[in-house]
Amino acid sequence: MNKTFVHALLGICLLVLSGAHAPAQQGPKLYKVGLLNPNTQAIAKNYVQAFRQELAALGYGDHNLVLEVRYAEGNRERMKDFANEFNRLGVDVLVTPSEPALLAARAVTTSIPIVTVSCDPLEKLVGSLNRPGGNVTGFSCVSAAAAGKRLGLLKSMSPSASRVALLYSGADAYEPDLRNVEESARKLDMTVTRFPVATAAGLAPAFDSIKIDG
């Protein structure tokens, strides 16, 4: 996830935390944020480090904030387990930088605020992008709406193109998005072959497979 999304998530987290004040007699509030990352620690370390640094720069550090981070390593069952753990811990905010993590969080709590960056169909998860309901807020990258336009541009550049290789993260891909790309391709008389890539090391084998398949 790039720095823009880090800032986006961070900004909403701070807005949510600002409403979580404890009574004055209890002293300074110790905030607790749960970050449910769908990837491995190695893949997500730069994102998590940037998130911590930006929080610290805004005055949220060890003295007033506990950041609980869990790495699901592409395992959706682990996402569910970690979401349940965050619910038991009673975190003030739950951060989910992917659709599978968001779905796992929504399945276990309707009261803890969830801050997310998710792609389509986000409106189906929050009710409405204009008037979101429930306990979820965040940003949508609306990739599904752009899938057909991207493929249309490719077709206009290369009218003879009929086969498309779709590289996607096996760890946090959202199935409806993938199906949307395939449906858009069919309308353009193109076929899509999926190539999951879970880590950076998987890129070279994926390209080799694309060459063989092509």
C-alpha atoms as a PDB file:
ATOM      1  CA  MET A   1       0.000   0.000   0.000  1.00  0.00           C
ATOM      2  CA  ASN A   2       1.439   3.388  -0.967  1.00  0.00           C
ATOM      3  CA  LYS A   3       1.992   6.424   1.234  1.00  0.00           C
ATOM      4  CA  THR A   4      -1.199   8.145   0.072  1.00  0.00           C
ATOM      5  CA  PHE A   5      -3.299   5.281   1.409  1.00  0.00           C
ATOM      6  CA  VAL A   6      -1.276   5.287   4.646  1.00  0.00           C
ATOM      7  CA  HIS A   7      -2.151   8.961   5.142  1.00  0.00           C
ATOM      8  CA  ALA A   8      -5.777   8.332   4.214  1.00  0.00           C
ATOM      9  CA  LEU A   9      -6.165   5.539   6.727  1.00  0.00           C
ATOM     10  CA  LEU A  10      -4.265   7.494   9.335  1.00  0.00           C
ATOM     11  CA  GLY A  11      -6.441  10.576   8.959  1.00  0.00           C
ATOM     12  CA  ILE A  12      -9.666   8.658   9.479  1.00  0.00           C
ATOM     13  CA  CYS A  13      -8.171   6.701  12.386  1.00  0.00           C
ATOM     14  CA  LEU A  14      -7.341   9.952  14.147  1.00  0.00           C
ATOM     15  CA  LEU A  15     -10.863  11.259  13.610  1.00  0.00           C
ATOM     16  CA  VAL A  16     -12.279   8.087  15.144  1.00  0.00           C
ATOM     17  CA  LEU A  17      -9.824   8.156  18.037  1.00  0.00           C
ATOM     18  CA  SER A  18     -10.649  11.795  18.764  1.00  0.00           C
ATOM     19  CA  GLY A  19     -14.161  10.705  19.673  1.00  0.00           C
ATOM     20  CA  ALA A  20     -12.972   8.015  22.061  1.00  0.00           C
ATOM     21  CA  HIS A  21     -12.202  10.205  25.075  1.00  0.00           C
ATOM     22  CA  ALA A  22     -12.212   8.670  28.521  1.00  0.00           C
ATOM     23  CA  PRO A  23     -13.790  10.463  31.529  1.00  0.00           C
ATOM     24  CA  ALA A  24     -11.500  13.117  32.994  1.00  0.00           C
ATOM     25  CA  GLN A  25     -11.082  11.312  36.307  1.00  0.00           C
ATOM     26  CA  GLN A  26      -9.481   8.338  34.594  1.00  0.00           C
ATOM     27  CA  GLY A  27      -6.531  10.379  33.374  1.00  0.00           C
ATOM     28  CA  PRO A  28      -5.075  10.374  29.857  1.00  0.00           C
ATOM     29  CA  LYS A  29      -6.684   7.947  27.459  1.00  0.00           C
ATOM     30  CA  LEU A  30      -4.628   4.963  26.309  1.00  0.00           C
ATOM     31  CA  TYR A  31      -5.825   4.215  22.796  1.00  0.00           C
ATOM     32  CA  LYS A  32      -5.697   0.751  21.305  1.00  0.00           C
ATOM     33  CA  VAL A  33      -5.655   0.225  17.527  1.00  0.00           C
ATOM     34  CA  GLY A  34      -5.874  -3.168  15.854  1.00  0.00           C
ATOM     35  CA  LEU A  35      -4.239  -3.511  12.417  1.00  0.00           C
ATOM     36  CA  LEU A  36      -5.296  -6.648  10.557  1.00  0.00           C
ATOM     37  CA  ASN A  37      -2.914  -7.112   7.640  1.00  0.00           C
ATOM     38  CA  PRO A  38      -3.669  -9.900   5.147  1.00  0.00           C
ATOM     39  CA  ASN A  39      -0.047 -10.310   4.058  1.00  0.00           C
ATOM     40  CA  THR A  40       3.133 -11.628   5.643  1.00  0.00           C
ATOM     41  CA  GLN A  41       5.204  -9.485   7.962  1.00  0.00           C
ATOM     42  CA  ALA A  42       7.970  -9.305   5.344  1.00  0.00           C
ATOM     43  CA  ILE A  43       5.603  -7.913   2.698  1.00  0.00           C
ATOM     44  CA  ALA A  44       3.806  -5.487   5.000  1.00  0.00           C
ATOM     45  CA  LYS A  45       6.709  -4.236   7.116  1.00  0.00           C
ATOM     46  CA  ASN A  46       7.227  -0.952   5.211  1.00  0.00           C
ATOM     47  CA  TYR A  47       3.533  -0.105   5.382  1.00  0.00           C
ATOM     48  CA  VAL A  48       3.338  -0.873   9.103  1.00  0.00           C
ATOM     49  CA  GLN A  49       6.527   1.092   9.772  1.00  0.00           C
ATOM     50  CA  ALA A  50       5.147   4.111   7.893  1.00  0.00           C
ATOM     51  CA  PHE A  51       1.883   3.839   9.812  1.00  0.00           C
ATOM     52  CA  ARG A  52       3.738   3.828  13.152  1.00  0.00           C
ATOM     53  CA  GLN A  53       5.956   6.753  12.135  1.00  0.00           C
ATOM     54  CA  GLU A  54       3.038   8.918  11.051  1.00  0.00           C
ATOM     55  CA  LEU A  55       1.146   8.145  14.255  1.00  0.00           C
ATOM     56  CA  ALA A  56       4.223   9.095  16.297  1.00  0.00           C
ATOM     57  CA  ALA A  57       4.669  12.329  14.331  1.00  0.00           C
ATOM     58  CA  LEU A  58       1.121  13.298  15.317  1.00  0.00           C
ATOM     59  CA  GLY A  59       1.675  12.600  18.990  1.00  0.00           C
ATOM     60  CA  TYR A  60       0.478   9.000  19.216  1.00  0.00           C
ATOM     61  CA  GLY A  61       3.240   6.807  20.621  1.00  0.00           C
ATOM     62  CA  ASP A  62       4.062   4.391  23.404  1.00  0.00           C
ATOM     63  CA  HIS A  63       2.784   6.826  26.042  1.00  0.00           C
ATOM     64  CA  ASN A  64      -0.783   6.916  24.768  1.00  0.00           C
ATOM     65  CA  LEU A  65      -1.278   4.263  22.094  1.00  0.00           C
ATOM     66  CA  VAL A  66      -0.989   0.511  21.726  1.00  0.00           C
ATOM     67  CA  LEU A  67      -0.808  -0.683  18.117  1.00  0.00           C
ATOM     68  CA  GLU A  68      -1.703  -4.350  17.871  1.00  0.00           C
ATOM     69  CA  VAL A  69      -0.597  -5.767  14.506  1.00  0.00           C
ATOM     70  CA  ARG A  70      -1.509  -9.211  13.169  1.00  0.00           C
ATOM     71  CA  TYR A  71      -0.336 -10.773   9.898  1.00  0.00           C
ATOM     72  CA  ALA A  72      -2.708 -13.294   8.333  1.00  0.00           C
ATOM     73  CA  GLU A  73      -0.197 -14.438   5.674  1.00  0.00           C
ATOM     74  CA  GLY A  74      -2.941 -14.847   3.092  1.00  0.00           C
ATOM     75  CA  ASN A  75      -4.956 -17.221   5.276  1.00  0.00           C
ATOM     76  CA  ARG A  76      -8.590 -16.153   5.524  1.00  0.00           C
ATOM     77  CA  GLU A  77      -9.222 -18.361   8.553  1.00  0.00           C
ATOM     78  CA  ARG A  78      -6.423 -16.571  10.385  1.00  0.00           C
ATOM     79  CA  MET A  79      -8.043 -13.258   9.474  1.00  0.00           C
ATOM     80  CA  LYS A  80     -11.218 -14.440  11.193  1.00  0.00           C
ATOM     81  CA  ASP A  81      -9.258 -15.581  14.243  1.00  0.00           C
ATOM     82  CA  PHE A  82      -7.381 -12.280  14.488  1.00  0.00           C
ATOM     83  CA  ALA A  83     -10.586 -10.281  14.028  1.00  0.00           C
ATOM     84  CA  ASN A  84     -12.117 -12.211  16.919  1.00  0.00           C
ATOM     85  CA  GLU A  85      -8.979 -11.546  18.977  1.00  0.00           C
ATOM     86  CA  PHE A  86      -9.223  -7.794  18.333  1.00  0.00           C
ATOM     87  CA  ASN A  87     -12.868  -7.925  19.367  1.00  0.00           C
ATOM     88  CA  ARG A  88     -11.919  -9.604  22.657  1.00  0.00           C
ATOM     89  CA  LEU A  89      -9.132  -7.065  23.222  1.00  0.00           C
ATOM     90  CA  GLY A  90     -11.657  -4.254  22.841  1.00  0.00           C
ATOM     91  CA  VAL A  91      -9.623  -2.130  20.438  1.00  0.00           C
ATOM     92  CA  ASP A  92     -10.852   1.424  19.833  1.00  0.00           C
ATOM     93  CA  VAL A  93     -10.360   1.180  16.064  1.00  0.00           C
ATOM     94  CA  LEU A  94      -9.839  -1.732  13.696  1.00  0.00           C
ATOM     95  CA  VAL A  95      -7.791  -1.009  10.543  1.00  0.00           C
ATOM     96  CA  THR A  96      -8.264  -3.326   7.548  1.00  0.00           C
ATOM     97  CA  PRO A  97      -6.219  -2.470   4.430  1.00  0.00           C
ATOM     98  CA  SER A  98      -7.975  -5.020   2.178  1.00  0.00           C
ATOM     99  CA  GLU A  99     -11.411  -6.449   1.413  1.00  0.00           C
ATOM    100  CA  PRO A 100     -10.832  -9.921   2.960  1.00  0.00           C
ATOM    101  CA  ALA A 101      -9.634  -8.311   6.192  1.00  0.00           C
ATOM    102  CA  LEU A 102     -12.645  -5.983   6.152  1.00  0.00           C
ATOM    103  CA  LEU A 103     -15.049  -8.881   5.666  1.00  0.00           C
ATOM    104  CA  ALA A 104     -13.443 -10.780   8.546  1.00  0.00           C
ATOM    105  CA  ALA A 105     -13.747  -7.727  10.810  1.00  0.00           C
ATOM    106  CA  ARG A 106     -17.370  -7.026   9.867  1.00  0.00           C
ATOM    107  CA  ALA A 107     -18.270 -10.631  10.637  1.00  0.00           C
ATOM    108  CA  VAL A 108     -17.274 -10.299  14.296  1.00  0.00           C
ATOM    109  CA  THR A 109     -18.219  -6.745  15.299  1.00  0.00           C
ATOM    110  CA  THR A 110     -20.856  -4.142  14.552  1.00  0.00           C
ATOM    111  CA  SER A 111     -19.706  -1.764  17.276  1.00  0.00           C
ATOM    112  CA  ILE A 112     -15.938  -1.281  16.892  1.00  0.00           C
ATOM    113  CA  PRO A 113     -15.204   1.391  14.225  1.00  0.00           C
ATOM    114  CA  ILE A 114     -13.504  -0.157  11.192  1.00  0.00           C
ATOM    115  CA  VAL A 115     -11.306   1.987   8.946  1.00  0.00           C
ATOM    116  CA  THR A 116     -10.528   0.477   5.556  1.00  0.00           C
ATOM    117  CA  VAL A 117      -9.204   0.983   2.061  1.00  0.00           C
ATOM    118  CA  SER A 118     -11.176  -1.372  -0.152  1.00  0.00           C
ATOM    119  CA  CYS A 119     -12.110  -1.819  -3.761  1.00  0.00           C
ATOM    120  CA  ASP A 120     -15.482  -2.556  -5.298  1.00  0.00           C
ATOM    121  CA  PRO A 121     -18.059  -3.521  -4.328  1.00  0.00           C
ATOM    122  CA  LEU A 122     -17.455  -1.358  -1.242  1.00  0.00           C
ATOM    123  CA  GLU A 123     -20.938   0.139  -1.520  1.00  0.00           C
ATOM    124  CA  LYS A 124     -22.344  -3.342  -0.891  1.00  0.00           C
ATOM    125  CA  LEU A 125     -20.365  -3.520   2.323  1.00  0.00           C
ATOM    126  CA  VAL A 126     -21.324  -0.118   3.725  1.00  0.00           C
ATOM    127  CA  GLY A 127     -24.784   0.353   2.202  1.00  0.00           C
ATOM    128  CA  SER A 128     -23.978   3.523   0.283  1.00  0.00           C
ATOM    129  CA  LEU A 129     -20.811   5.436  -0.580  1.00  0.00           C
ATOM    130  CA  ASN A 130     -22.701   8.726  -0.140  1.00  0.00           C
ATOM    131  CA  ARG A 131     -24.295   7.742   3.174  1.00  0.00           C
ATOM    132  CA  PRO A 132     -22.353   4.799   4.597  1.00  0.00           C
ATOM    133  CA  GLY A 133     -24.025   2.989   7.445  1.00  0.00           C
ATOM    134  CA  GLY A 134     -22.882   0.692  10.218  1.00  0.00           C
ATOM    135  CA  ASN A 135     -19.397   0.782  11.693  1.00  0.00           C
ATOM    136  CA  VAL A 136     -17.272   0.897   8.510  1.00  0.00           C
ATOM    137  CA  THR A 137     -15.655   3.960   6.954  1.00  0.00           C
ATOM    138  CA  GLY A 138     -12.678   4.580   4.698  1.00  0.00           C
ATOM    139  CA  PHE A 139     -11.769   4.845   1.038  1.00  0.00           C
ATOM    140  CA  SER A 140     -12.683   2.905  -2.112  1.00  0.00           C
ATOM    141  CA  CYS A 141     -10.272   2.497  -5.001  1.00  0.00           C
ATOM    142  CA  VAL A 142     -13.249   1.699  -7.316  1.00  0.00           C
ATOM    143  CA  SER A 143     -11.131  -0.667  -9.395  1.00  0.00           C
ATOM    144  CA  ALA A 144     -14.062  -2.693 -10.706  1.00  0.00           C
ATOM    145  CA  ALA A 145     -15.586   0.322 -12.442  1.00  0.00           C
ATOM    146  CA  ALA A 146     -12.265   0.996 -14.144  1.00  0.00           C
ATOM    147  CA  ALA A 147     -11.621  -2.603 -15.254  1.00  0.00           C
ATOM    148  CA  GLY A 148     -13.682  -2.331 -18.419  1.00  0.00           C
ATOM    149  CA  LYS A 149     -12.126   1.018 -19.338  1.00  0.00           C
ATOM    150  CA  ARG A 150      -8.611  -0.385 -18.915  1.00  0.00           C
ATOM    151  CA  LEU A 151      -9.391  -3.363 -21.120  1.00  0.00           C
ATOM    152  CA  GLY A 152     -11.136  -1.107 -23.656  1.00  0.00           C
ATOM    153  CA  LEU A 153      -8.021   1.047 -23.856  1.00  0.00           C
ATOM    154  CA  LEU A 154      -5.910  -2.066 -24.372  1.00  0.00           C
ATOM    155  CA  LYS A 155      -8.259  -3.227 -27.153  1.00  0.00           C
ATOM    156  CA  SER A 156      -8.115   0.156 -28.891  1.00  0.00           C
ATOM    157  CA  MET A 157      -4.323   0.080 -28.800  1.00  0.00           C
ATOM    158  CA  SER A 158      -4.134  -3.521 -30.003  1.00  0.00           C
ATOM    159  CA  PRO A 159      -7.368  -4.515 -31.804  1.00  0.00           C
ATOM    160  CA  SER A 160      -6.086  -8.037 -32.419  1.00  0.00           C
ATOM    161  CA  ALA A 161      -5.540  -8.709 -28.716  1.00  0.00           C
ATOM    162  CA  SER A 162      -7.718 -11.596 -27.586  1.00  0.00           C
ATOM    163  CA  ARG A 163      -5.988 -13.035 -24.508  1.00  0.00           C
ATOM    164  CA  VAL A 164      -5.156 -11.203 -21.293  1.00  0.00           C
ATOM    165  CA  ALA A 165      -2.975 -12.356 -18.405  1.00  0.00           C
ATOM    166  CA  LEU A 166      -4.304 -11.208 -15.035  1.00  0.00           C
ATOM    167  CA  LEU A 167      -1.682 -11.030 -12.282  1.00  0.00           C
ATOM    168  CA  TYR A 168      -3.147 -10.606  -8.821  1.00  0.00           C
ATOM    169  CA  SER A 169      -2.207 -11.078  -5.198  1.00  0.00           C
ATOM    170  CA  GLY A 170      -3.178 -14.533  -4.074  1.00  0.00           C
ATOM    171  CA  ALA A 171      -3.155 -13.293  -0.494  1.00  0.00           C
ATOM    172  CA  ASP A 172      -5.742 -10.523  -0.539  1.00  0.00           C
ATOM    173  CA  ALA A 173      -7.470 -10.614  -3.923  1.00  0.00           C
ATOM    174  CA  TYR A 174     -11.205 -10.023  -3.835  1.00  0.00           C
ATOM    175  CA  GLU A 175     -13.054 -12.530  -6.002  1.00  0.00           C
ATOM    176  CA  PRO A 176     -15.821 -10.168  -7.224  1.00  0.00           C
ATOM    177  CA  ASP A 177     -13.154  -7.825  -8.624  1.00  0.00           C
ATOM    178  CA  LEU A 178     -11.528 -10.670 -10.536  1.00  0.00           C
ATOM    179  CA  ARG A 179     -14.860 -11.804 -11.962  1.00  0.00           C
ATOM    180  CA  ASN A 180     -15.608  -8.217 -12.991  1.00  0.00           C
ATOM    181  CA  VAL A 181     -12.408  -8.103 -15.043  1.00  0.00           C
ATOM    182  CA  GLU A 182     -13.316 -11.404 -16.688  1.00  0.00           C
ATOM    183  CA  GLU A 183     -16.833 -10.208 -17.518  1.00  0.00           C
ATOM    184  CA  SER A 184     -15.491  -6.968 -19.000  1.00  0.00           C
ATOM    185  CA  ALA A 185     -13.077  -9.003 -21.122  1.00  0.00           C
ATOM    186  CA  ARG A 186     -15.863 -11.220 -22.471  1.00  0.00           C
ATOM    187  CA  LYS A 187     -17.762  -8.170 -23.679  1.00  0.00           C
ATOM    188  CA  LEU A 188     -14.677  -7.241 -25.702  1.00  0.00           C
ATOM    189  CA  ASP A 189     -14.263 -10.780 -27.104  1.00  0.00           C
ATOM    190  CA  MET A 190     -11.193 -11.313 -24.932  1.00  0.00           C
ATOM    191  CA  THR A 191     -10.359 -14.119 -22.543  1.00  0.00           C
ATOM    192  CA  VAL A 192      -8.589 -13.767 -19.202  1.00  0.00           C
ATOM    193  CA  THR A 193      -6.204 -16.242 -17.620  1.00  0.00           C
ATOM    194  CA  ARG A 194      -5.446 -15.767 -13.932  1.00  0.00           C
ATOM    195  CA  PHE A 195      -1.934 -15.917 -12.508  1.00  0.00           C
ATOM    196  CA  PRO A 196      -1.832 -15.539  -8.696  1.00  0.00           C
ATOM    197  CA  VAL A 197       1.328 -14.015  -7.238  1.00  0.00           C
ATOM    198  CA  ALA A 198       1.575 -14.156  -3.448  1.00  0.00           C
ATOM    199  CA  THR A 199       5.058 -12.621  -3.062  1.00  0.00           C
ATOM    200  CA  ALA A 200       7.596 -10.659  -5.086  1.00  0.00           C
ATOM    201  CA  ALA A 201       9.546 -13.893  -5.574  1.00  0.00           C
ATOM    202  CA  GLY A 202       6.549 -15.295  -7.430  1.00  0.00           C
ATOM    203  CA  LEU A 203       6.668 -12.719 -10.241  1.00  0.00           C
ATOM    204  CA  ALA A 204       9.363 -14.432 -12.326  1.00  0.00           C
ATOM    205  CA  PRO A 205       7.648 -17.870 -12.262  1.00  0.00           C
ATOM    206  CA  ALA A 206       4.348 -16.173 -13.125  1.00  0.00           C
ATOM    207  CA  PHE A 207       5.862 -14.491 -16.190  1.00  0.00           C
ATOM    208  CA  ASP A 208       7.407 -17.817 -17.215  1.00  0.00           C
ATOM    209  CA  SER A 209       3.959 -19.407 -16.970  1.00  0.00           C
ATOM    210  CA  ILE A 210       2.462 -16.600 -19.035  1.00  0.00           C
ATOM    211  CA  LYS A 211       5.060 -17.230 -21.773  1.00  0.00           C
ATOM    212  CA  ILE A 212       4.285 -20.949 -21.797  1.00  0.00           C
ATOM    213  CA  ASP A 213       0.521 -20.383 -21.744  1.00  0.00           C
ATOM    214  CA  GLY A 214       0.774 -17.813 -24.516  1.00  0.00           C
END
